Amino acid sequence: MGKETTQDEFGWFWTGMDADIAASLSNDQKLAIANAIRKTDTADRPADIRFSMFGYFVVLISGKERRAPERIRIENASHPVITARNLPLLLLIWASLSYATWGILGLITGLVFRG
């Protein structure tokens, strides 16, 4: 499988590559590149939710932890969760979860004790 068969699937990659370099690659090299790109696009990626509202953006990424313990320790020290800057968002998340919990409990109570 050379550039010809991966052009549709990875056209963005080949278009961005210098034409002389692409022409110098063998079919085996092109296949190896295509396989490497394919491996980076797996279902093993974390969930990634991003949205903007009212001039602010929110990013929520969730998945299996792959960082080394030392890196986690360094990042936790340099980016603590509970800070004055994070407090409004943490309070908003807490209030939203509390409101949703009470709403669900209210629905369940209404269904169970309806009568």
N, C-alpha and C. Protein backbone atom coordinates (compact mmCIF):
# COMPACT_ATOMS: atom_id res chain seq x y z
N MET A 1 0.85 -1.16 0.00
CA MET A 1 0.00 0.00 0.00
C MET A 1 0.90 1.23 0.00
N GLY A 2 0.91 1.97 -1.03
CA GLY A 2 1.74 3.15 -1.15
C GLY A 2 0.93 4.41 -1.00
N LYS A 3 1.50 5.51 -1.47
CA LYS A 3 0.82 6.80 -1.37
C LYS A 3 -0.51 6.77 -2.11
N GLU A 4 -0.57 6.02 -3.19
CA GLU A 4 -1.78 5.99 -3.99
C GLU A 4 -2.98 5.46 -3.19
N THR A 5 -2.76 4.44 -2.39
CA THR A 5 -3.86 3.83 -1.66
C THR A 5 -4.13 4.52 -0.33
N THR A 6 -3.18 5.30 0.18
CA THR A 6 -3.41 6.01 1.44
C THR A 6 -3.77 7.47 1.19
N GLN A 7 -3.78 7.92 -0.03
CA GLN A 7 -4.06 9.32 -0.36
C GLN A 7 -5.43 9.75 0.16
N ASP A 8 -6.45 8.92 -0.06
CA ASP A 8 -7.79 9.28 0.40
C ASP A 8 -7.87 9.32 1.92
N GLU A 9 -7.29 8.31 2.56
CA GLU A 9 -7.38 8.20 4.00
C GLU A 9 -6.52 9.24 4.73
N PHE A 10 -5.35 9.53 4.19
CA PHE A 10 -4.41 10.46 4.84
C PHE A 10 -4.00 11.59 3.92
N GLY A 11 -4.93 12.06 3.11
CA GLY A 11 -4.64 13.15 2.18
C GLY A 11 -4.07 14.38 2.85
N TRP A 12 -4.58 14.68 4.05
CA TRP A 12 -4.10 15.84 4.80
C TRP A 12 -2.61 15.72 5.09
N PHE A 13 -2.13 14.50 5.32
CA PHE A 13 -0.72 14.29 5.64
C PHE A 13 0.14 14.49 4.40
N TRP A 14 -0.25 13.84 3.30
CA TRP A 14 0.56 13.90 2.08
C TRP A 14 0.53 15.29 1.47
N THR A 15 -0.58 16.01 1.62
CA THR A 15 -0.67 17.37 1.11
C THR A 15 0.27 18.30 1.86
N GLY A 16 0.41 18.06 3.15
CA GLY A 16 1.27 18.90 3.97
C GLY A 16 2.75 18.60 3.83
N MET A 17 3.07 17.47 3.21
CA MET A 17 4.47 17.07 3.06
C MET A 17 5.06 17.68 1.79
N ASP A 18 6.31 18.08 1.87
CA ASP A 18 7.02 18.59 0.70
C ASP A 18 6.98 17.54 -0.41
N ALA A 19 6.63 17.95 -1.63
CA ALA A 19 6.45 17.01 -2.75
C ALA A 19 7.73 16.23 -3.04
N ASP A 20 8.89 16.87 -2.95
CA ASP A 20 10.15 16.17 -3.22
C ASP A 20 10.41 15.07 -2.18
N ILE A 21 10.10 15.35 -0.94
CA ILE A 21 10.29 14.35 0.11
C ILE A 21 9.32 13.19 -0.10
N ALA A 22 8.07 13.50 -0.39
CA ALA A 22 7.08 12.44 -0.62
C ALA A 22 7.50 11.56 -1.79
N ALA A 23 8.04 12.16 -2.84
CA ALA A 23 8.47 11.40 -4.01
C ALA A 23 9.68 10.52 -3.70
N SER A 24 10.47 10.92 -2.71
CA SER A 24 11.68 10.14 -2.39
C SER A 24 11.38 8.92 -1.52
N LEU A 25 10.17 8.83 -0.98
CA LEU A 25 9.82 7.71 -0.11
C LEU A 25 9.49 6.46 -0.92
N SER A 26 9.94 5.32 -0.44
CA SER A 26 9.58 4.04 -1.08
C SER A 26 8.16 3.67 -0.65
N ASN A 27 7.58 2.70 -1.34
CA ASN A 27 6.24 2.24 -0.96
C ASN A 27 6.23 1.66 0.45
N ASP A 28 7.31 0.95 0.83
CA ASP A 28 7.40 0.41 2.19
C ASP A 28 7.43 1.53 3.23
N GLN A 29 8.14 2.62 2.94
CA GLN A 29 8.19 3.74 3.86
C GLN A 29 6.82 4.41 3.97
N LYS A 30 6.15 4.54 2.83
CA LYS A 30 4.80 5.14 2.83
C LYS A 30 3.83 4.27 3.63
N LEU A 31 3.96 2.97 3.48
CA LEU A 31 3.10 2.05 4.23
C LEU A 31 3.38 2.16 5.73
N ALA A 32 4.65 2.24 6.10
CA ALA A 32 5.02 2.38 7.51
C ALA A 32 4.47 3.68 8.09
N ILE A 33 4.52 4.76 7.33
CA ILE A 33 3.98 6.05 7.77
C ILE A 33 2.46 5.94 7.95
N ALA A 34 1.79 5.34 6.97
CA ALA A 34 0.34 5.18 7.04
C ALA A 34 -0.05 4.34 8.26
N ASN A 35 0.69 3.27 8.52
CA ASN A 35 0.39 2.43 9.68
C ASN A 35 0.61 3.18 10.99
N ALA A 36 1.66 3.99 11.04
CA ALA A 36 1.92 4.78 12.26
C ALA A 36 0.80 5.79 12.50
N ILE A 37 0.33 6.43 11.44
CA ILE A 37 -0.77 7.38 11.57
C ILE A 37 -2.03 6.65 12.02
N ARG A 38 -2.29 5.51 11.45
CA ARG A 38 -3.47 4.72 11.79
C ARG A 38 -3.46 4.33 13.26
N LYS A 39 -2.30 3.99 13.80
CA LYS A 39 -2.20 3.58 15.20
C LYS A 39 -2.50 4.72 16.16
N THR A 40 -2.25 5.96 15.74
CA THR A 40 -2.52 7.10 16.61
C THR A 40 -4.00 7.43 16.67
N ASP A 41 -4.79 6.87 15.78
CA ASP A 41 -6.22 7.16 15.73
C ASP A 41 -7.00 5.93 16.16
N THR A 42 -6.84 5.54 17.43
CA THR A 42 -7.50 4.35 17.93
C THR A 42 -8.61 4.72 18.91
N ALA A 43 -9.42 3.75 19.24
CA ALA A 43 -10.50 3.96 20.20
C ALA A 43 -9.95 4.05 21.62
N ASP A 44 -8.65 3.87 21.79
CA ASP A 44 -8.02 3.90 23.10
C ASP A 44 -7.76 5.33 23.58
N ARG A 45 -8.16 6.30 22.81
CA ARG A 45 -7.96 7.69 23.20
C ARG A 45 -8.94 8.08 24.29
N PRO A 46 -8.59 9.09 25.08
CA PRO A 46 -9.51 9.52 26.14
C PRO A 46 -10.72 10.26 25.58
N ALA A 47 -11.79 10.31 26.37
CA ALA A 47 -12.94 11.13 26.02
C ALA A 47 -12.49 12.58 26.07
N ASP A 48 -12.91 13.38 25.13
CA ASP A 48 -12.45 14.76 25.01
C ASP A 48 -13.64 15.65 24.67
N ILE A 49 -14.13 16.40 25.66
CA ILE A 49 -15.28 17.27 25.47
C ILE A 49 -14.80 18.72 25.55
N ARG A 50 -15.11 19.50 24.52
CA ARG A 50 -14.71 20.91 24.48
C ARG A 50 -15.89 21.75 24.01
N PHE A 51 -16.17 22.83 24.74
CA PHE A 51 -17.22 23.73 24.29
C PHE A 51 -16.98 25.13 24.85
N SER A 52 -17.63 26.10 24.22
CA SER A 52 -17.52 27.50 24.63
C SER A 52 -18.91 28.04 24.91
N MET A 53 -19.01 28.89 25.93
CA MET A 53 -20.27 29.56 26.21
C MET A 53 -20.00 30.82 27.02
N PHE A 54 -20.72 31.87 26.69
CA PHE A 54 -20.62 33.14 27.40
C PHE A 54 -19.19 33.67 27.45
N GLY A 55 -18.42 33.44 26.40
CA GLY A 55 -17.06 33.95 26.35
C GLY A 55 -16.03 33.12 27.09
N TYR A 56 -16.42 31.96 27.60
CA TYR A 56 -15.51 31.07 28.29
C TYR A 56 -15.48 29.73 27.58
N PHE A 57 -14.39 28.99 27.74
CA PHE A 57 -14.32 27.66 27.16
C PHE A 57 -14.12 26.64 28.28
N VAL A 58 -14.61 25.44 28.03
CA VAL A 58 -14.48 24.34 29.00
C VAL A 58 -13.92 23.14 28.26
N VAL A 59 -12.93 22.49 28.86
CA VAL A 59 -12.35 21.27 28.30
C VAL A 59 -12.39 20.22 29.39
N LEU A 60 -12.95 19.07 29.05
CA LEU A 60 -12.99 17.95 29.98
C LEU A 60 -12.43 16.73 29.27
N ILE A 61 -11.34 16.20 29.79
CA ILE A 61 -10.69 15.04 29.20
C ILE A 61 -10.66 13.94 30.25
N SER A 62 -11.11 12.77 29.86
CA SER A 62 -11.18 11.65 30.80
C SER A 62 -10.70 10.38 30.11
N GLY A 63 -9.83 9.65 30.77
CA GLY A 63 -9.35 8.40 30.19
C GLY A 63 -8.38 7.71 31.15
N LYS A 64 -7.83 6.63 30.67
CA LYS A 64 -6.89 5.85 31.47
C LYS A 64 -5.61 6.66 31.72
N GLU A 65 -5.16 6.65 32.96
CA GLU A 65 -3.93 7.37 33.31
C GLU A 65 -2.73 6.62 32.74
N ARG A 66 -1.92 7.31 31.97
CA ARG A 66 -0.73 6.70 31.36
C ARG A 66 0.57 7.37 31.77
N ARG A 67 0.44 8.47 32.51
CA ARG A 67 1.65 9.18 32.91
C ARG A 67 2.37 8.42 34.02
N ALA A 68 3.67 8.60 34.06
CA ALA A 68 4.49 8.00 35.11
C ALA A 68 4.18 8.68 36.44
N PRO A 69 4.31 7.96 37.55
CA PRO A 69 4.02 8.56 38.87
C PRO A 69 4.80 9.85 39.13
N GLU A 70 6.04 9.90 38.70
CA GLU A 70 6.84 11.12 38.90
C GLU A 70 6.24 12.30 38.15
N ARG A 71 5.80 12.08 36.93
CA ARG A 71 5.19 13.16 36.14
C ARG A 71 3.88 13.61 36.79
N ILE A 72 3.09 12.68 37.29
CA ILE A 72 1.84 13.03 37.97
C ILE A 72 2.15 13.90 39.19
N ARG A 73 3.14 13.52 39.96
CA ARG A 73 3.53 14.27 41.15
C ARG A 73 3.96 15.69 40.78
N ILE A 74 4.76 15.83 39.74
CA ILE A 74 5.22 17.15 39.30
C ILE A 74 4.06 18.01 38.83
N GLU A 75 3.17 17.42 38.02
CA GLU A 75 2.04 18.19 37.49
C GLU A 75 1.04 18.55 38.59
N ASN A 76 0.83 17.67 39.56
CA ASN A 76 -0.06 18.00 40.67
C ASN A 76 0.51 19.15 41.50
N ALA A 77 1.83 19.19 41.64
CA ALA A 77 2.46 20.27 42.40
C ALA A 77 2.39 21.59 41.63
N SER A 78 2.55 21.54 40.32
CA SER A 78 2.56 22.78 39.54
C SER A 78 1.16 23.23 39.11
N HIS A 79 0.18 22.33 39.15
CA HIS A 79 -1.20 22.68 38.76
C HIS A 79 -2.19 22.10 39.77
N PRO A 80 -2.22 22.63 41.00
CA PRO A 80 -3.16 22.09 41.98
C PRO A 80 -4.61 22.36 41.58
N VAL A 81 -5.50 21.47 41.98
CA VAL A 81 -6.91 21.61 41.62
C VAL A 81 -7.58 22.72 42.43
N ILE A 82 -7.33 22.74 43.72
CA ILE A 82 -8.01 23.72 44.57
C ILE A 82 -7.15 24.97 44.68
N THR A 83 -7.54 25.97 43.90
CA THR A 83 -6.89 27.28 43.91
C THR A 83 -7.98 28.34 43.83
N ALA A 84 -7.63 29.58 44.14
CA ALA A 84 -8.60 30.68 44.05
C ALA A 84 -9.13 30.81 42.62
N ARG A 85 -8.28 30.56 41.64
CA ARG A 85 -8.69 30.66 40.25
C ARG A 85 -9.70 29.57 39.88
N ASN A 86 -9.53 28.38 40.44
CA ASN A 86 -10.41 27.26 40.11
C ASN A 86 -11.68 27.22 40.95
N LEU A 87 -11.72 27.95 42.05
CA LEU A 87 -12.84 27.87 42.97
C LEU A 87 -14.20 28.14 42.33
N PRO A 88 -14.37 29.17 41.51
CA PRO A 88 -15.69 29.38 40.90
C PRO A 88 -16.16 28.19 40.07
N LEU A 89 -15.28 27.59 39.31
CA LEU A 89 -15.66 26.44 38.49
C LEU A 89 -15.97 25.23 39.37
N LEU A 90 -15.17 25.01 40.41
CA LEU A 90 -15.44 23.90 41.31
C LEU A 90 -16.79 24.07 42.01
N LEU A 91 -17.11 25.30 42.41
CA LEU A 91 -18.41 25.57 43.04
C LEU A 91 -19.55 25.36 42.05
N LEU A 92 -19.35 25.76 40.81
CA LEU A 92 -20.38 25.56 39.78
C LEU A 92 -20.61 24.07 39.53
N ILE A 93 -19.55 23.30 39.46
CA ILE A 93 -19.68 21.85 39.27
C ILE A 93 -20.39 21.23 40.47
N TRP A 94 -19.99 21.62 41.68
CA TRP A 94 -20.62 21.09 42.89
C TRP A 94 -22.11 21.44 42.93
N ALA A 95 -22.46 22.70 42.63
CA ALA A 95 -23.86 23.13 42.64
C ALA A 95 -24.67 22.39 41.59
N SER A 96 -24.09 22.20 40.41
CA SER A 96 -24.80 21.48 39.34
C SER A 96 -25.05 20.04 39.72
N LEU A 97 -24.05 19.38 40.28
CA LEU A 97 -24.23 17.99 40.71
C LEU A 97 -25.24 17.88 41.84
N SER A 98 -25.20 18.83 42.78
CA SER A 98 -26.17 18.82 43.88
C SER A 98 -27.58 19.02 43.36
N TYR A 99 -27.76 19.98 42.48
CA TYR A 99 -29.08 20.26 41.90
C TYR A 99 -29.59 19.05 41.13
N ALA A 100 -28.74 18.42 40.35
CA ALA A 100 -29.14 17.23 39.59
C ALA A 100 -29.50 16.08 40.52
N THR A 101 -28.71 15.91 41.58
CA THR A 101 -28.99 14.84 42.54
C THR A 101 -30.35 15.05 43.21
N TRP A 102 -30.61 16.26 43.68
CA TRP A 102 -31.90 16.55 44.32
C TRP A 102 -33.04 16.40 43.32
N GLY A 103 -32.82 16.77 42.09
CA GLY A 103 -33.85 16.61 41.06
C GLY A 103 -34.17 15.15 40.82
N ILE A 104 -33.15 14.33 40.71
CA ILE A 104 -33.34 12.89 40.49
C ILE A 104 -34.03 12.26 41.70
N LEU A 105 -33.58 12.64 42.91
CA LEU A 105 -34.23 12.12 44.13
C LEU A 105 -35.69 12.54 44.20
N GLY A 106 -35.97 13.76 43.78
CA GLY A 106 -37.35 14.25 43.75
C GLY A 106 -38.21 13.44 42.79
N LEU A 107 -37.64 13.14 41.62
CA LEU A 107 -38.39 12.32 40.64
C LEU A 107 -38.64 10.93 41.18
N ILE A 108 -37.63 10.32 41.77
CA ILE A 108 -37.78 8.96 42.31
C ILE A 108 -38.81 8.97 43.44
N THR A 109 -38.72 9.95 44.34
CA THR A 109 -39.67 10.05 45.45
C THR A 109 -41.08 10.22 44.92
N GLY A 110 -41.25 11.07 43.92
CA GLY A 110 -42.57 11.28 43.33
C GLY A 110 -43.13 10.03 42.70
N LEU A 111 -42.27 9.23 42.08
CA LEU A 111 -42.75 7.99 41.45
C LEU A 111 -43.06 6.91 42.48
N VAL A 112 -42.24 6.81 43.50
CA VAL A 112 -42.41 5.76 44.51
C VAL A 112 -43.59 6.06 45.42
N PHE A 113 -43.71 7.30 45.85
CA PHE A 113 -44.74 7.65 46.83
C PHE A 113 -45.96 8.33 46.22
N ARG A 114 -46.12 8.16 44.92
CA ARG A 114 -47.26 8.76 44.24
C ARG A 114 -48.52 8.02 44.69
N GLY A 115 -49.53 8.74 45.00
CA GLY A 115 -50.62 7.93 45.35
C GLY A 115 -51.86 8.52 45.74
